[in-house]
Amino acid sequence: MVVLVLSACPAGLRGHLTRWLLEISAGVFVGHVSARVRDLMWLNVCEMASGGRALMVFSVPGEQRMDFRVHNHHWTPTDFDGLTLMMRPEHAAAPAVTEEPPAAGWSAASKRRKYGRRPVR
């Protein structure tokens, strides 16, 4: 089983992949091909992607029963004691807080409700 996900790739590449795989959603291809066809298909994807991103997940024998290949992708497959996991880039792991905390105390609306005043128009 092969799952191939494309982002920002030319339409010609998507048309090329429909020879072997079924496009189940925009840029998501699924199918069952031999290892030789899969490897040649991946070489074509890397050549034709032209700045786009590609991610391929395919079945292999072993404990995890799948493997990953990436092209121009920020997340990278990393081996942790025989288990392949996708590692996020460092800047995406901890988003920076840019908002100021809200002002302490009661809001103007709650003060009006408490004292029964209506806003002046």
C-alpha atoms as a PDB file:
ATOM      1  CA  MET A   1       0.000   0.000   0.000  1.00  0.00           C
ATOM      2  CA  VAL A   2       1.284   3.461  -0.930  1.00  0.00           C
ATOM      3  CA  VAL A   3      -0.085   6.828   0.186  1.00  0.00           C
ATOM      4  CA  LEU A   4       1.356   9.928  -1.484  1.00  0.00           C
ATOM      5  CA  VAL A   5       0.479  13.486  -0.431  1.00  0.00           C
ATOM      6  CA  LEU A   6       1.415  16.450  -2.639  1.00  0.00           C
ATOM      7  CA  SER A   7       1.308  20.160  -1.807  1.00  0.00           C
ATOM      8  CA  ALA A   8       1.891  23.021  -4.260  1.00  0.00           C
ATOM      9  CA  CYS A   9       2.909  20.697  -7.096  1.00  0.00           C
ATOM     10  CA  PRO A  10       2.163  21.171 -10.798  1.00  0.00           C
ATOM     11  CA  ALA A  11      -0.944  19.596 -12.313  1.00  0.00           C
ATOM     12  CA  GLY A  12       1.220  17.567 -14.691  1.00  0.00           C
ATOM     13  CA  LEU A  13       2.675  15.639 -11.776  1.00  0.00           C
ATOM     14  CA  ARG A  14      -0.804  14.838 -10.477  1.00  0.00           C
ATOM     15  CA  GLY A  15      -1.789  13.583 -13.915  1.00  0.00           C
ATOM     16  CA  HIS A  16       1.387  11.522 -14.115  1.00  0.00           C
ATOM     17  CA  LEU A  17       0.633   9.813 -10.791  1.00  0.00           C
ATOM     18  CA  THR A  18      -2.888   8.820 -11.830  1.00  0.00           C
ATOM     19  CA  ARG A  19      -1.319   6.166 -14.062  1.00  0.00           C
ATOM     20  CA  TRP A  20      -0.597   4.026 -11.001  1.00  0.00           C
ATOM     21  CA  LEU A  21      -2.467   5.538  -8.062  1.00  0.00           C
ATOM     22  CA  LEU A  22      -6.016   6.663  -7.327  1.00  0.00           C
ATOM     23  CA  GLU A  23      -6.490  10.318  -6.329  1.00  0.00           C
ATOM     24  CA  ILE A  24      -8.954  10.187  -3.421  1.00  0.00           C
ATOM     25  CA  SER A  25      -8.734  13.898  -2.577  1.00  0.00           C
ATOM     26  CA  ALA A  26      -6.895  16.880  -4.010  1.00  0.00           C
ATOM     27  CA  GLY A  27      -3.210  15.945  -3.858  1.00  0.00           C
ATOM     28  CA  VAL A  28      -3.752  12.642  -1.966  1.00  0.00           C
ATOM     29  CA  PHE A  29      -2.981   9.459  -3.905  1.00  0.00           C
ATOM     30  CA  VAL A  30      -3.477   5.858  -2.752  1.00  0.00           C
ATOM     31  CA  GLY A  31      -2.653   2.550  -4.382  1.00  0.00           C
ATOM     32  CA  HIS A  32      -0.831  -0.747  -4.334  1.00  0.00           C
ATOM     33  CA  VAL A  33       2.234  -0.952  -6.588  1.00  0.00           C
ATOM     34  CA  SER A  34       5.434  -2.978  -6.600  1.00  0.00           C
ATOM     35  CA  ALA A  35       8.561  -1.700  -4.869  1.00  0.00           C
ATOM     36  CA  ARG A  36      10.244  -1.061  -8.216  1.00  0.00           C
ATOM     37  CA  VAL A  37       7.358   1.054  -9.527  1.00  0.00           C
ATOM     38  CA  ARG A  38       7.149   2.861  -6.168  1.00  0.00           C
ATOM     39  CA  ASP A  39      10.853   3.791  -6.247  1.00  0.00           C
ATOM     40  CA  LEU A  40      10.717   4.977  -9.869  1.00  0.00           C
ATOM     41  CA  MET A  41       7.544   6.908  -9.124  1.00  0.00           C
ATOM     42  CA  TRP A  42       9.255   8.639  -6.173  1.00  0.00           C
ATOM     43  CA  LEU A  43      12.186   9.652  -8.417  1.00  0.00           C
ATOM     44  CA  ASN A  44       9.687  11.217 -10.861  1.00  0.00           C
ATOM     45  CA  VAL A  45       7.933  13.027  -8.011  1.00  0.00           C
ATOM     46  CA  CYS A  46      11.221  14.524  -6.789  1.00  0.00           C
ATOM     47  CA  GLU A  47      12.120  15.669 -10.323  1.00  0.00           C
ATOM     48  CA  MET A  48       8.706  17.083 -11.228  1.00  0.00           C
ATOM     49  CA  ALA A  49       7.751  18.670  -7.876  1.00  0.00           C
ATOM     50  CA  SER A  50       9.442  22.015  -8.747  1.00  0.00           C
ATOM     51  CA  GLY A  51       9.415  23.529  -5.282  1.00  0.00           C
ATOM     52  CA  GLY A  52       6.320  21.679  -4.068  1.00  0.00           C
ATOM     53  CA  ARG A  53       6.234  19.272  -1.156  1.00  0.00           C
ATOM     54  CA  ALA A  54       5.709  15.538  -1.245  1.00  0.00           C
ATOM     55  CA  LEU A  55       5.250  12.926   1.475  1.00  0.00           C
ATOM     56  CA  MET A  56       5.030   9.204   0.795  1.00  0.00           C
ATOM     57  CA  VAL A  57       4.064   6.467   3.258  1.00  0.00           C
ATOM     58  CA  PHE A  58       4.410   2.864   2.122  1.00  0.00           C
ATOM     59  CA  SER A  59       4.213  -0.583   3.660  1.00  0.00           C
ATOM     60  CA  VAL A  60       7.370  -2.584   4.372  1.00  0.00           C
ATOM     61  CA  PRO A  61       8.052  -5.748   6.360  1.00  0.00           C
ATOM     62  CA  GLY A  62       9.035  -5.113   9.979  1.00  0.00           C
ATOM     63  CA  GLU A  63       7.687  -4.090  13.357  1.00  0.00           C
ATOM     64  CA  GLN A  64       6.146  -0.785  12.280  1.00  0.00           C
ATOM     65  CA  ARG A  65       5.085  -2.124   8.845  1.00  0.00           C
ATOM     66  CA  MET A  66       5.482   1.288   7.167  1.00  0.00           C
ATOM     67  CA  ASP A  67       8.173   3.719   6.089  1.00  0.00           C
ATOM     68  CA  PHE A  68       8.224   7.392   5.054  1.00  0.00           C
ATOM     69  CA  ARG A  69       9.876   9.484   2.371  1.00  0.00           C
ATOM     70  CA  VAL A  70       9.713  13.264   2.221  1.00  0.00           C
ATOM     71  CA  HIS A  71      10.660  15.890  -0.357  1.00  0.00           C
ATOM     72  CA  ASN A  72      10.934  19.631   0.511  1.00  0.00           C
ATOM     73  CA  HIS A  73       9.029  19.008   3.715  1.00  0.00           C
ATOM     74  CA  HIS A  74       9.705  20.613   7.111  1.00  0.00           C
ATOM     75  CA  TRP A  75       8.863  17.468   9.048  1.00  0.00           C
ATOM     76  CA  THR A  76      11.528  14.785   8.738  1.00  0.00           C
ATOM     77  CA  PRO A  77      11.360  11.041   9.431  1.00  0.00           C
ATOM     78  CA  THR A  78      13.673  10.188  12.338  1.00  0.00           C
ATOM     79  CA  ASP A  79      14.605   6.766  13.671  1.00  0.00           C
ATOM     80  CA  PHE A  80      14.173   6.299  17.433  1.00  0.00           C
ATOM     81  CA  ASP A  81      15.486   2.834  18.356  1.00  0.00           C
ATOM     82  CA  GLY A  82      13.920   1.168  15.317  1.00  0.00           C
ATOM     83  CA  LEU A  83      10.704   3.219  15.377  1.00  0.00           C
ATOM     84  CA  THR A  84      10.398   5.854  12.653  1.00  0.00           C
ATOM     85  CA  LEU A  85       8.588   9.001  13.769  1.00  0.00           C
ATOM     86  CA  MET A  86       8.012  12.342  12.083  1.00  0.00           C
ATOM     87  CA  MET A  87      10.043  15.085  13.780  1.00  0.00           C
ATOM     88  CA  ARG A  88       8.634  18.593  13.734  1.00  0.00           C
ATOM     89  CA  PRO A  89      10.888  21.589  13.163  1.00  0.00           C
ATOM     90  CA  GLU A  90      11.922  23.395  16.334  1.00  0.00           C
ATOM     91  CA  HIS A  91      10.150  26.669  15.582  1.00  0.00           C
ATOM     92  CA  ALA A  92       6.769  24.907  15.196  1.00  0.00           C
ATOM     93  CA  ALA A  93       7.047  23.017  18.490  1.00  0.00           C
ATOM     94  CA  ALA A  94       6.683  26.081  20.753  1.00  0.00           C
ATOM     95  CA  PRO A  95       4.680  28.945  19.235  1.00  0.00           C
ATOM     96  CA  ALA A  96       5.706  32.401  20.393  1.00  0.00           C
ATOM     97  CA  VAL A  97       3.193  34.368  22.451  1.00  0.00           C
ATOM     98  CA  THR A  98       2.774  37.823  20.940  1.00  0.00           C
ATOM     99  CA  GLU A  99      -0.471  38.930  22.570  1.00  0.00           C
ATOM    100  CA  GLU A 100      -0.468  41.053  25.684  1.00  0.00           C
ATOM    101  CA  PRO A 101      -2.313  39.572  28.639  1.00  0.00           C
ATOM    102  CA  PRO A 102      -5.793  41.005  29.227  1.00  0.00           C
ATOM    103  CA  ALA A 103      -6.099  43.919  31.610  1.00  0.00           C
ATOM    104  CA  ALA A 104      -6.822  42.931  35.191  1.00  0.00           C
ATOM    105  CA  GLY A 105     -10.063  43.962  36.846  1.00  0.00           C
ATOM    106  CA  TRP A 106     -13.672  44.189  35.799  1.00  0.00           C
ATOM    107  CA  SER A 107     -14.791  45.054  32.287  1.00  0.00           C
ATOM    108  CA  ALA A 108     -16.775  48.196  31.556  1.00  0.00           C
ATOM    109  CA  ALA A 109     -19.866  46.107  30.729  1.00  0.00           C
ATOM    110  CA  SER A 110     -19.767  44.301  34.074  1.00  0.00           C
ATOM    111  CA  LYS A 111     -19.418  47.628  35.930  1.00  0.00           C
ATOM    112  CA  ARG A 112     -22.495  49.015  34.125  1.00  0.00           C
ATOM    113  CA  ARG A 113     -24.479  45.897  35.027  1.00  0.00           C
ATOM    114  CA  LYS A 114     -23.379  46.090  38.654  1.00  0.00           C
ATOM    115  CA  TYR A 115     -24.301  49.745  39.127  1.00  0.00           C
ATOM    116  CA  GLY A 116     -27.328  49.755  36.784  1.00  0.00           C
ATOM    117  CA  ARG A 117     -26.056  52.507  34.497  1.00  0.00           C
ATOM    118  CA  ARG A 118     -26.744  52.647  30.809  1.00  0.00           C
ATOM    119  CA  PRO A 119     -24.109  53.875  28.366  1.00  0.00           C
ATOM    120  CA  VAL A 120     -24.517  57.486  27.217  1.00  0.00           C
ATOM    121  CA  ARG A 121     -25.379  57.832  23.522  1.00  0.00           C
END
